[in-house]
PDB file of N, CA and C in Angstrom:
ATOM      1  N   MET A   1     137.338  83.156  10.409  1.00  0.00           N
ATOM      2  CA  MET A   1     138.384  82.602  10.445  1.00  0.00           C
ATOM      3  C   MET A   1     138.249  81.242  11.292  1.00  0.00           C
ATOM      4  N   THR A   2     138.268  79.860  10.600  1.00  0.00           N
ATOM      5  CA  THR A   2     138.388  78.610  11.406  1.00  0.00           C
ATOM      6  C   THR A   2     139.834  78.779  12.257  1.00  0.00           C
ATOM      7  N   ASP A   3     139.959  78.424  14.058  1.00  0.00           N
ATOM      8  CA  ASP A   3     141.133  78.246  14.518  1.00  0.00           C
ATOM      9  C   ASP A   3     141.643  77.222  13.896  1.00  0.00           C
ATOM     10  N   THR A   4     143.230  77.117  13.720  1.00  0.00           N
ATOM     11  CA  THR A   4     143.873  76.175  13.256  1.00  0.00           C
ATOM     12  C   THR A   4     145.350  76.090  14.299  1.00  0.00           C
ATOM     13  N   THR A   5     144.888  76.728  15.287  1.00  0.00           N
ATOM     14  CA  THR A   5     145.691  76.026  16.851  1.00  0.00           C
ATOM     15  C   THR A   5     146.173  74.682  17.273  1.00  0.00           C
ATOM     16  N   VAL A   6     147.138  74.141  17.203  1.00  0.00           N
ATOM     17  CA  VAL A   6     146.987  72.548  17.779  1.00  0.00           C
ATOM     18  C   VAL A   6     147.964  73.196  19.421  1.00  0.00           C
ATOM     19  N   ILE A   7     147.455  72.633  20.197  1.00  0.00           N
ATOM     20  CA  ILE A   7     147.825  72.716  21.655  1.00  0.00           C
ATOM     21  C   ILE A   7     148.363  71.622  22.012  1.00  0.00           C
ATOM     22  N   LYS A   8     149.419  71.488  22.779  1.00  0.00           N
ATOM     23  CA  LYS A   8     149.741  70.186  23.059  1.00  0.00           C
ATOM     24  C   LYS A   8     149.977  70.355  24.704  1.00  0.00           C
ATOM     25  N   ILE A   9     149.700  69.644  25.811  1.00  0.00           N
ATOM     26  CA  ILE A   9     149.367  69.620  27.027  1.00  0.00           C
ATOM     27  C   ILE A   9     150.190  68.605  27.989  1.00  0.00           C
ATOM     28  N   SER A  10     151.411  68.624  28.274  1.00  0.00           N
ATOM     29  CA  SER A  10     152.089  67.392  29.235  1.00  0.00           C
ATOM     30  C   SER A  10     151.486  67.453  30.305  1.00  0.00           C
ATOM     31  N   SER A  11     151.472  66.243  30.994  1.00  0.00           N
ATOM     32  CA  SER A  11     150.199  65.850  31.747  1.00  0.00           C
ATOM     33  C   SER A  11     151.549  65.902  33.115  1.00  0.00           C
ATOM     34  N   SER A  12     152.216  66.053  32.837  1.00  0.00           N
ATOM     35  CA  SER A  12     153.580  66.304  34.129  1.00  0.00           C
ATOM     36  C   SER A  12     153.430  67.847  34.334  1.00  0.00           C
ATOM     37  N   HIS A  13     152.933  68.694  33.761  1.00  0.00           N
ATOM     38  CA  HIS A  13     152.298  70.181  34.362  1.00  0.00           C
ATOM     39  C   HIS A  13     150.762  70.243  34.496  1.00  0.00           C
ATOM     40  N   SER A  14     149.993  69.657  34.384  1.00  0.00           N
ATOM     41  CA  SER A  14     148.874  69.609  34.414  1.00  0.00           C
ATOM     42  C   SER A  14     147.860  69.932  35.846  1.00  0.00           C
ATOM     43  N   PRO A  15     147.260  70.706  36.192  1.00  0.00           N
ATOM     44  CA  PRO A  15     146.752  70.827  37.143  1.00  0.00           C
ATOM     45  C   PRO A  15     145.836  70.107  37.519  1.00  0.00           C
ATOM     46  N   HIS A  16     145.477  69.633  38.923  1.00  0.00           N
ATOM     47  CA  HIS A  16     144.407  68.820  39.418  1.00  0.00           C
ATOM     48  C   HIS A  16     143.215  69.547  40.272  1.00  0.00           C
ATOM     49  N   GLY A  17     142.301  68.950  39.712  1.00  0.00           N
ATOM     50  CA  GLY A  17     141.532  69.482  40.411  1.00  0.00           C
ATOM     51  C   GLY A  17     141.094  68.948  41.897  1.00  0.00           C
ATOM     52  N   GLN A  18     139.772  68.948  42.603  1.00  0.00           N
ATOM     53  CA  GLN A  18     139.742  69.010  43.938  1.00  0.00           C
ATOM     54  C   GLN A  18     139.339  67.425  44.201  1.00  0.00           C
ATOM     55  N   ALA A  19     138.850  66.615  43.463  1.00  0.00           N
ATOM     56  CA  ALA A  19     138.363  65.144  43.412  1.00  0.00           C
ATOM     57  C   ALA A  19     139.789  64.667  42.894  1.00  0.00           C
ATOM     58  N   GLY A  20     140.851  64.800  42.700  1.00  0.00           N
ATOM     59  CA  GLY A  20     142.184  63.874  42.352  1.00  0.00           C
ATOM     60  C   GLY A  20     142.043  64.171  40.798  1.00  0.00           C
ATOM     61  N   GLN A  21     141.326  64.518  40.060  1.00  0.00           N
ATOM     62  CA  GLN A  21     141.577  64.585  38.737  1.00  0.00           C
ATOM     63  C   GLN A  21     142.743  65.256  38.046  1.00  0.00           C
ATOM     64  N   LYS A  22     143.372  64.945  37.374  1.00  0.00           N
ATOM     65  CA  LYS A  22     144.616  65.768  36.578  1.00  0.00           C
ATOM     66  C   LYS A  22     143.951  66.424  35.161  1.00  0.00           C
ATOM     67  N   TYR A  23     144.070  67.289  34.735  1.00  0.00           N
ATOM     68  CA  TYR A  23     143.195  67.955  33.643  1.00  0.00           C
ATOM     69  C   TYR A  23     144.205  67.884  32.735  1.00  0.00           C
ATOM     70  N   LEU A  24     143.452  67.572  31.356  1.00  0.00           N
ATOM     71  CA  LEU A  24     144.771  66.987  29.989  1.00  0.00           C
ATOM     72  C   LEU A  24     144.347  68.575  29.085  1.00  0.00           C
ATOM     73  N   ALA A  25     144.170  68.217  28.020  1.00  0.00           N
ATOM     74  CA  ALA A  25     144.146  69.181  26.966  1.00  0.00           C
ATOM     75  C   ALA A  25     142.169  69.369  26.829  1.00  0.00           C
ATOM     76  N   SER A  26     142.123  70.436  26.634  1.00  0.00           N
ATOM     77  CA  SER A  26     140.729  71.034  26.700  1.00  0.00           C
ATOM     78  C   SER A  26     141.022  72.365  25.802  1.00  0.00           C
ATOM     79  N   GLY A  27     139.555  71.720  24.602  1.00  0.00           N
ATOM     80  CA  GLY A  27     139.298  73.023  23.669  1.00  0.00           C
ATOM     81  C   GLY A  27     137.784  73.783  24.284  1.00  0.00           C
ATOM     82  N   LYS A  28     137.171  74.319  23.588  1.00  0.00           N
ATOM     83  CA  LYS A  28     135.665  75.264  23.104  1.00  0.00           C
ATOM     84  C   LYS A  28     134.566  74.321  23.825  1.00  0.00           C
ATOM     85  N   SER A  29     134.851  72.985  23.424  1.00  0.00           N
ATOM     86  CA  SER A  29     133.269  72.245  23.438  1.00  0.00           C
ATOM     87  C   SER A  29     133.810  70.938  24.478  1.00  0.00           C
ATOM     88  N   LEU A  30     135.275  70.804  24.473  1.00  0.00           N
ATOM     89  CA  LEU A  30     135.129  68.926  24.690  1.00  0.00           C
ATOM     90  C   LEU A  30     136.458  69.085  25.649  1.00  0.00           C
ATOM     91  N   ALA A  31     136.865  68.726  26.436  1.00  0.00           N
ATOM     92  CA  ALA A  31     138.360  68.443  27.560  1.00  0.00           C
ATOM     93  C   ALA A  31     138.358  67.125  27.892  1.00  0.00           C
ATOM     94  N   MET A  32     139.377  66.599  28.188  1.00  0.00           N
ATOM     95  CA  MET A  32     139.619  65.462  28.760  1.00  0.00           C
ATOM     96  C   MET A  32     140.479  65.554  30.248  1.00  0.00           C
ATOM     97  N   ARG A  33     140.732  64.678  30.744  1.00  0.00           N
ATOM     98  CA  ARG A  33     140.618  64.505  32.411  1.00  0.00           C
ATOM     99  C   ARG A  33     141.450  63.013  32.734  1.00  0.00           C
ATOM    100  N   LEU A  34     142.263  63.004  32.989  1.00  0.00           N
ATOM    101  CA  LEU A  34     142.619  61.714  33.438  1.00  0.00           C
ATOM    102  C   LEU A  34     142.531  61.537  35.415  1.00  0.00           C
ATOM    103  N   TRP A  35     142.249  60.163  35.616  1.00  0.00           N
ATOM    104  CA  TRP A  35     141.909  59.770  36.947  1.00  0.00           C
ATOM    105  C   TRP A  35     143.102  58.440  36.821  1.00  0.00           C
ATOM    106  N   GLU A  36     144.291  58.831  37.614  1.00  0.00           N
ATOM    107  CA  GLU A  36     145.387  58.650  37.669  1.00  0.00           C
ATOM    108  C   GLU A  36     145.579  57.392  39.386  1.00  0.00           C
ATOM    109  N   ASN A  37     145.911  56.179  39.380  1.00  0.00           N
ATOM    110  CA  ASN A  37     145.985  55.261  40.575  1.00  0.00           C
ATOM    111  C   ASN A  37     144.488  55.648  41.649  1.00  0.00           C
ATOM    112  N   GLU A  38     143.419  55.601  40.937  1.00  0.00           N
ATOM    113  CA  GLU A  38     142.694  55.959  42.142  1.00  0.00           C
ATOM    114  C   GLU A  38     142.334  54.659  43.366  1.00  0.00           C
ATOM    115  N   GLN A  39     142.539  54.682  44.299  1.00  0.00           N
ATOM    116  CA  GLN A  39     142.464  53.727  45.599  1.00  0.00           C
ATOM    117  C   GLN A  39     141.282  53.133  45.505  1.00  0.00           C
ATOM    118  N   PRO A  40     140.721  51.838  46.020  1.00  0.00           N
ATOM    119  CA  PRO A  40     139.703  51.576  46.333  1.00  0.00           C
ATOM    120  C   PRO A  40     139.168  52.282  47.232  1.00  0.00           C
ATOM    121  N   ASN A  41     137.411  52.269  47.303  1.00  0.00           N
ATOM    122  CA  ASN A  41     136.646  53.135  48.232  1.00  0.00           C
ATOM    123  C   ASN A  41     135.229  52.486  48.079  1.00  0.00           C
ATOM    124  N   GLU A  42     134.921  52.921  49.120  1.00  0.00           N
ATOM    125  CA  GLU A  42     133.118  52.881  48.825  1.00  0.00           C
ATOM    126  C   GLU A  42     132.554  54.196  47.760  1.00  0.00           C
ATOM    127  N   ALA A  43     131.488  53.939  47.295  1.00  0.00           N
ATOM    128  CA  ALA A  43     130.921  54.827  46.339  1.00  0.00           C
ATOM    129  C   ALA A  43     130.703  56.165  46.954  1.00  0.00           C
ATOM    130  N   LYS A  44     130.675  56.971  46.526  1.00  0.00           N
ATOM    131  CA  LYS A  44     130.263  58.573  47.157  1.00  0.00           C
ATOM    132  C   LYS A  44     128.731  58.641  46.620  1.00  0.00           C
ATOM    133  N   PRO A  45     128.346  59.438  47.552  1.00  0.00           N
ATOM    134  CA  PRO A  45     127.116  60.095  47.074  1.00  0.00           C
ATOM    135  C   PRO A  45     126.657  60.247  45.559  1.00  0.00           C
ATOM    136  N   PRO A  46     125.520  59.748  45.097  1.00  0.00           N
ATOM    137  CA  PRO A  46     125.504  59.887  43.389  1.00  0.00           C
ATOM    138  C   PRO A  46     125.235  61.540  43.354  1.00  0.00           C
ATOM    139  N   THR A  47     125.996  61.961  42.202  1.00  0.00           N
ATOM    140  CA  THR A  47     125.648  63.327  41.856  1.00  0.00           C
ATOM    141  C   THR A  47     125.456  63.301  40.385  1.00  0.00           C
ATOM    142  N   GLN A  48     125.020  64.465  39.771  1.00  0.00           N
ATOM    143  CA  GLN A  48     124.618  64.766  38.821  1.00  0.00           C
ATOM    144  C   GLN A  48     125.137  66.069  37.846  1.00  0.00           C
ATOM    145  N   ARG A  49     125.431  66.004  36.813  1.00  0.00           N
ATOM    146  CA  ARG A  49     126.514  66.942  35.932  1.00  0.00           C
ATOM    147  C   ARG A  49     125.810  67.817  35.030  1.00  0.00           C
ATOM    148  N   ASP A  50     126.186  68.606  34.293  1.00  0.00           N
ATOM    149  CA  ASP A  50     125.843  69.201  33.515  1.00  0.00           C
ATOM    150  C   ASP A  50     126.947  69.509  32.458  1.00  0.00           C
ATOM    151  N   TYR A  51     127.061  68.140  32.098  1.00  0.00           N
ATOM    152  CA  TYR A  51     127.938  67.884  30.967  1.00  0.00           C
ATOM    153  C   TYR A  51     127.994  66.331  30.777  1.00  0.00           C
ATOM    154  N   GLU A  52     127.912  65.713  29.770  1.00  0.00           N
ATOM    155  CA  GLU A  52     128.206  64.428  29.233  1.00  0.00           C
ATOM    156  C   GLU A  52     129.488  63.951  29.434  1.00  0.00           C
ATOM    157  N   THR A  53     130.019  62.408  29.725  1.00  0.00           N
ATOM    158  CA  THR A  53     131.185  61.978  29.788  1.00  0.00           C
ATOM    159  C   THR A  53     131.244  60.686  29.551  1.00  0.00           C
ATOM    160  N   VAL A  54     132.577  60.583  28.546  1.00  0.00           N
ATOM    161  CA  VAL A  54     132.946  59.564  27.967  1.00  0.00           C
ATOM    162  C   VAL A  54     134.245  59.062  28.934  1.00  0.00           C
ATOM    163  N   GLY A  55     134.293  57.564  28.782  1.00  0.00           N
ATOM    164  CA  GLY A  55     135.644  57.231  29.513  1.00  0.00           C
ATOM    165  C   GLY A  55     136.399  56.223  28.902  1.00  0.00           C
ATOM    166  N   TYR A  56     137.438  56.033  29.465  1.00  0.00           N
ATOM    167  CA  TYR A  56     138.413  55.022  29.069  1.00  0.00           C
ATOM    168  C   TYR A  56     139.100  54.134  30.071  1.00  0.00           C
ATOM    169  N   VAL A  57     138.689  52.864  30.597  1.00  0.00           N
ATOM    170  CA  VAL A  57     139.967  52.208  31.496  1.00  0.00           C
ATOM    171  C   VAL A  57     141.055  51.614  30.750  1.00  0.00           C
ATOM    172  N   ILE A  58     141.983  52.092  31.361  1.00  0.00           N
ATOM    173  CA  ILE A  58     143.134  51.753  31.498  1.00  0.00           C
ATOM    174  C   ILE A  58     144.015  50.928  32.120  1.00  0.00           C
ATOM    175  N   ALA A  59     143.635  50.886  33.431  1.00  0.00           N
ATOM    176  CA  ALA A  59     143.799  49.870  34.146  1.00  0.00           C
ATOM    177  C   ALA A  59     142.840  50.100  35.704  1.00  0.00           C
ATOM    178  N   GLY A  60     142.710  48.604  35.946  1.00  0.00           N
ATOM    179  CA  GLY A  60     141.653  48.600  37.553  1.00  0.00           C
ATOM    180  C   GLY A  60     140.331  48.319  37.186  1.00  0.00           C
ATOM    181  N   ARG A  61     139.868  48.340  38.198  1.00  0.00           N
ATOM    182  CA  ARG A  61     138.464  47.700  38.199  1.00  0.00           C
ATOM    183  C   ARG A  61     137.568  48.575  39.140  1.00  0.00           C
ATOM    184  N   ALA A  62     136.270  49.391  38.416  1.00  0.00           N
ATOM    185  CA  ALA A  62     135.559  50.096  38.820  1.00  0.00           C
ATOM    186  C   ALA A  62     133.994  49.722  38.822  1.00  0.00           C
ATOM    187  N   GLU A  63     133.213  49.887  39.763  1.00  0.00           N
ATOM    188  CA  GLU A  63     131.604  49.830  39.340  1.00  0.00           C
ATOM    189  C   GLU A  63     131.037  51.697  39.131  1.00  0.00           C
ATOM    190  N   LEU A  64     130.306  51.575  37.808  1.00  0.00           N
ATOM    191  CA  LEU A  64     129.448  52.717  37.880  1.00  0.00           C
ATOM    192  C   LEU A  64     127.941  52.222  37.889  1.00  0.00           C
ATOM    193  N   HIS A  65     127.554  53.171  39.069  1.00  0.00           N
ATOM    194  CA  HIS A  65     126.590  53.211  39.302  1.00  0.00           C
ATOM    195  C   HIS A  65     125.963  54.354  38.643  1.00  0.00           C
ATOM    196  N   SER A  66     124.278  54.167  37.783  1.00  0.00           N
ATOM    197  CA  SER A  66     123.953  55.314  37.439  1.00  0.00           C
ATOM    198  C   SER A  66     122.091  54.885  37.127  1.00  0.00           C
ATOM    199  N   GLU A  67     121.502  55.846  37.365  1.00  0.00           N
ATOM    200  CA  GLU A  67     119.751  55.833  37.250  1.00  0.00           C
ATOM    201  C   GLU A  67     119.549  53.999  37.380  1.00  0.00           C
ATOM    202  N   GLY A  68     119.893  53.369  38.672  1.00  0.00           N
ATOM    203  CA  GLY A  68     119.557  51.950  38.854  1.00  0.00           C
ATOM    204  C   GLY A  68     120.265  51.157  38.276  1.00  0.00           C
ATOM    205  N   GLN A  69     121.411  51.634  37.533  1.00  0.00           N
ATOM    206  CA  GLN A  69     122.170  50.476  36.779  1.00  0.00           C
ATOM    207  C   GLN A  69     123.452  50.381  37.458  1.00  0.00           C
ATOM    208  N   VAL A  70     123.887  49.088  37.711  1.00  0.00           N
ATOM    209  CA  VAL A  70     125.614  48.657  37.979  1.00  0.00           C
ATOM    210  C   VAL A  70     125.970  48.407  37.047  1.00  0.00           C
ATOM    211  N   VAL A  71     127.012  48.597  36.249  1.00  0.00           N
ATOM    212  CA  VAL A  71     128.384  48.547  35.347  1.00  0.00           C
ATOM    213  C   VAL A  71     129.657  48.113  35.663  1.00  0.00           C
ATOM    214  N   LEU A  72     130.141  47.350  35.246  1.00  0.00           N
ATOM    215  CA  LEU A  72     131.684  46.898  35.867  1.00  0.00           C
ATOM    216  C   LEU A  72     132.339  47.405  34.849  1.00  0.00           C
ATOM    217  N   LEU A  73     133.525  48.168  35.690  1.00  0.00           N
ATOM    218  CA  LEU A  73     134.218  48.874  34.337  1.00  0.00           C
ATOM    219  C   LEU A  73     135.656  48.069  34.619  1.00  0.00           C
ATOM    220  N   GLU A  74     136.109  47.605  33.263  1.00  0.00           N
ATOM    221  CA  GLU A  74     137.401  47.237  33.550  1.00  0.00           C
ATOM    222  C   GLU A  74     138.198  47.443  32.533  1.00  0.00           C
ATOM    223  N   ALA A  75     139.302  47.347  32.485  1.00  0.00           N
ATOM    224  CA  ALA A  75     140.333  48.080  31.518  1.00  0.00           C
ATOM    225  C   ALA A  75     140.184  47.238  30.068  1.00  0.00           C
ATOM    226  N   GLY A  76     139.983  48.135  29.235  1.00  0.00           N
ATOM    227  CA  GLY A  76     139.809  48.340  27.686  1.00  0.00           C
ATOM    228  C   GLY A  76     138.041  48.511  27.678  1.00  0.00           C
ATOM    229  N   ASP A  77     137.906  48.757  28.995  1.00  0.00           N
ATOM    230  CA  ASP A  77     136.027  49.157  28.735  1.00  0.00           C
ATOM    231  C   ASP A  77     136.005  50.590  28.445  1.00  0.00           C
ATOM    232  N   SER A  78     135.203  50.971  27.892  1.00  0.00           N
ATOM    233  CA  SER A  78     134.641  52.443  27.665  1.00  0.00           C
ATOM    234  C   SER A  78     133.404  52.605  28.154  1.00  0.00           C
ATOM    235  N   TRP A  79     132.804  53.730  28.524  1.00  0.00           N
ATOM    236  CA  TRP A  79     131.105  54.207  29.181  1.00  0.00           C
ATOM    237  C   TRP A  79     130.864  55.617  28.860  1.00  0.00           C
ATOM    238  N   VAL A  80     129.557  55.495  29.113  1.00  0.00           N
ATOM    239  CA  VAL A  80     129.080  57.117  28.837  1.00  0.00           C
ATOM    240  C   VAL A  80     128.221  57.180  29.767  1.00  0.00           C
ATOM    241  N   VAL A  81     128.221  58.492  30.401  1.00  0.00           N
ATOM    242  CA  VAL A  81     127.161  58.981  31.428  1.00  0.00           C
ATOM    243  C   VAL A  81     126.196  60.195  30.623  1.00  0.00           C
ATOM    244  N   PRO A  82     125.342  59.816  30.410  1.00  0.00           N
ATOM    245  CA  PRO A  82     124.516  61.020  30.048  1.00  0.00           C
ATOM    246  C   PRO A  82     124.502  62.278  30.821  1.00  0.00           C
ATOM    247  N   LYS A  83     124.433  63.698  30.478  1.00  0.00           N
ATOM    248  CA  LYS A  83     124.488  64.681  31.006  1.00  0.00           C
ATOM    249  C   LYS A  83     123.224  64.500  31.839  1.00  0.00           C
ATOM    250  N   GLY A  84     123.140  64.992  33.107  1.00  0.00           N
ATOM    251  CA  GLY A  84     122.191  65.044  34.053  1.00  0.00           C
ATOM    252  C   GLY A  84     121.920  63.781  34.831  1.00  0.00           C
ATOM    253  N   SER A  85     122.395  62.949  34.409  1.00  0.00           N
ATOM    254  CA  SER A  85     122.235  61.307  35.070  1.00  0.00           C
ATOM    255  C   SER A  85     122.972  61.471  36.353  1.00  0.00           C
ATOM    256  N   SER A  86     122.083  61.004  37.476  1.00  0.00           N
ATOM    257  CA  SER A  86     122.687  60.909  38.675  1.00  0.00           C
ATOM    258  C   SER A  86     123.794  59.176  38.589  1.00  0.00           C
ATOM    259  N   HIS A  87     124.742  59.547  39.218  1.00  0.00           N
ATOM    260  CA  HIS A  87     125.897  58.472  39.073  1.00  0.00           C
ATOM    261  C   HIS A  87     126.854  58.510  40.264  1.00  0.00           C
ATOM    262  N   THR A  88     127.454  57.826  40.528  1.00  0.00           N
ATOM    263  CA  THR A  88     128.885  57.119  41.309  1.00  0.00           C
ATOM    264  C   THR A  88     129.680  56.225  40.699  1.00  0.00           C
ATOM    265  N   TYR A  89     130.734  56.390  41.166  1.00  0.00           N
ATOM    266  CA  TYR A  89     131.737  55.514  40.830  1.00  0.00           C
ATOM    267  C   TYR A  89     132.140  54.729  42.325  1.00  0.00           C
ATOM    268  N   LYS A  90     132.750  53.463  42.102  1.00  0.00           N
ATOM    269  CA  LYS A  90     133.140  52.688  43.451  1.00  0.00           C
ATOM    270  C   LYS A  90     134.264  52.104  42.634  1.00  0.00           C
ATOM    271  N   ILE A  91     135.503  52.658  43.393  1.00  0.00           N
ATOM    272  CA  ILE A  91     136.654  52.020  42.855  1.00  0.00           C
ATOM    273  C   ILE A  91     136.898  50.406  43.707  1.00  0.00           C
ATOM    274  N   LEU A  92     137.031  49.667  42.859  1.00  0.00           N
ATOM    275  CA  LEU A  92     137.487  48.137  43.488  1.00  0.00           C
ATOM    276  C   LEU A  92     138.553  47.941  43.333  1.00  0.00           C
ATOM    277  N   GLU A  93     139.793  48.376  42.756  1.00  0.00           N
ATOM    278  CA  GLU A  93     141.011  48.393  42.730  1.00  0.00           C
ATOM    279  C   GLU A  93     141.670  49.334  42.174  1.00  0.00           C
ATOM    280  N   PRO A  94     142.715  49.194  42.198  1.00  0.00           N
ATOM    281  CA  PRO A  94     143.495  50.871  41.135  1.00  0.00           C
ATOM    282  C   PRO A  94     143.390  51.103  39.998  1.00  0.00           C
ATOM    283  N   PHE A  95     142.789  51.982  39.901  1.00  0.00           N
ATOM    284  CA  PHE A  95     141.794  53.058  38.634  1.00  0.00           C
ATOM    285  C   PHE A  95     142.785  53.777  38.098  1.00  0.00           C
ATOM    286  N   THR A  96     142.863  53.593  36.929  1.00  0.00           N
ATOM    287  CA  THR A  96     143.110  54.653  35.944  1.00  0.00           C
ATOM    288  C   THR A  96     142.119  54.554  34.798  1.00  0.00           C
ATOM    289  N   ALA A  97     141.698  55.555  34.623  1.00  0.00           N
ATOM    290  CA  ALA A  97     141.113  56.006  33.204  1.00  0.00           C
ATOM    291  C   ALA A  97     141.284  57.592  32.997  1.00  0.00           C
ATOM    292  N   VAL A  98     141.105  57.640  31.733  1.00  0.00           N
ATOM    293  CA  VAL A  98     140.677  59.173  30.953  1.00  0.00           C
ATOM    294  C   VAL A  98     139.327  58.972  30.745  1.00  0.00           C
ATOM    295  N   GLU A  99     139.186  60.193  30.709  1.00  0.00           N
ATOM    296  CA  GLU A  99     137.730  60.866  30.305  1.00  0.00           C
ATOM    297  C   GLU A  99     137.853  62.106  29.432  1.00  0.00           C
ATOM    298  N   ALA A 100     136.794  62.220  28.500  1.00  0.00           N
ATOM    299  CA  ALA A 100     136.245  63.627  27.899  1.00  0.00           C
ATOM    300  C   ALA A 100     134.735  64.017  28.543  1.00  0.00           C
ATOM    301  N   THR A 101     135.061  65.072  28.960  1.00  0.00           N
ATOM    302  CA  THR A 101     133.502  65.914  28.991  1.00  0.00           C
ATOM    303  C   THR A 101     133.074  66.894  28.073  1.00  0.00           C
ATOM    304  N   SER A 102     131.774  66.932  27.728  1.00  0.00           N
ATOM    305  CA  SER A 102     131.434  67.977  27.015  1.00  0.00           C
ATOM    306  C   SER A 102     130.215  68.135  27.553  1.00  0.00           C
ATOM    307  N   PRO A 103     130.014  69.641  27.461  1.00  0.00           N
ATOM    308  CA  PRO A 103     131.153  70.791  27.479  1.00  0.00           C
ATOM    309  C   PRO A 103     132.373  70.407  28.454  1.00  0.00           C
ATOM    310  N   PRO A 104     133.505  70.882  28.021  1.00  0.00           N
ATOM    311  CA  PRO A 104     134.761  71.201  29.338  1.00  0.00           C
ATOM    312  C   PRO A 104     133.971  71.075  30.802  1.00  0.00           C
ATOM    313  N   ALA A 105     134.273  69.926  31.284  1.00  0.00           N
ATOM    314  CA  ALA A 105     133.853  69.830  33.153  1.00  0.00           C
ATOM    315  C   ALA A 105     134.705  71.052  33.842  1.00  0.00           C
ATOM    316  N   GLN A 106     135.628  71.342  33.665  1.00  0.00           N
ATOM    317  CA  GLN A 106     136.491  72.511  34.700  1.00  0.00           C
ATOM    318  C   GLN A 106     135.842  73.970  34.281  1.00  0.00           C
ATOM    319  N   VAL A 107     135.097  74.230  33.166  1.00  0.00           N
ATOM    320  CA  VAL A 107     134.819  75.472  32.845  1.00  0.00           C
ATOM    321  C   VAL A 107     133.822  75.653  34.251  1.00  0.00           C
ATOM    322  N   HIS A 108     133.943  76.983  34.942  1.00  0.00           N
ATOM    323  CA  HIS A 108     133.074  77.209  35.568  1.00  0.00           C
ATOM    324  C   HIS A 108     132.840  76.235  37.044  1.00  0.00           C
ATOM    325  N   ALA A 109     133.851  75.768  36.835  1.00  0.00           N
ATOM    326  CA  ALA A 109     133.896  74.580  38.411  1.00  0.00           C
ATOM    327  C   ALA A 109     132.575  73.834  38.321  1.00  0.00           C
ATOM    328  N   ARG A 110     132.200  73.467  37.068  1.00  0.00           N
ATOM    329  CA  ARG A 110     131.438  72.348  36.684  1.00  0.00           C
ATOM    330  C   ARG A 110     131.424  71.002  37.773  1.00  0.00           C
ATOM    331  N   ASP A 111     132.662  70.566  37.244  1.00  0.00           N
ATOM    332  CA  ASP A 111     133.495  69.291  38.088  1.00  0.00           C
ATOM    333  C   ASP A 111     133.332  68.996  39.531  1.00  0.00           C
ATOM    334  N   GLU A 112     133.229  70.249  40.199  1.00  0.00           N
ATOM    335  CA  GLU A 112     133.411  70.639  41.965  1.00  0.00           C
ATOM    336  C   GLU A 112     132.244  69.686  42.608  1.00  0.00           C
ATOM    337  N   ALA A 113     132.607  69.416  43.651  1.00  0.00           N
ATOM    338  CA  ALA A 113     131.718  68.781  44.399  1.00  0.00           C
ATOM    339  C   ALA A 113     130.139  70.033  44.922  1.00  0.00           C
TER     340      ALA A 113
END
């Protein structure tokens, strides 16, 4: 039988990851997280993840550096980082964005540095 359970998550009670992300709703094959008011910084060393990420910028600006490309992300923009792609972000001004990862990033500490 198909699971028909609806789950609501209040972000005020959501756990935080080591990098500052706030974990939101998570299903078996997809999860959401929120990066809230991330402050300007220099780009961290590139990383590769074993999940795909899609994101949407709510506020602020950042650069996404991936596989030799630099993409400016601004409010209203969305992006995709394919599974296994070398990438990093440089926050240019206070930045808030929501991301979805598949499979869920937090399972088995997939998103820890």
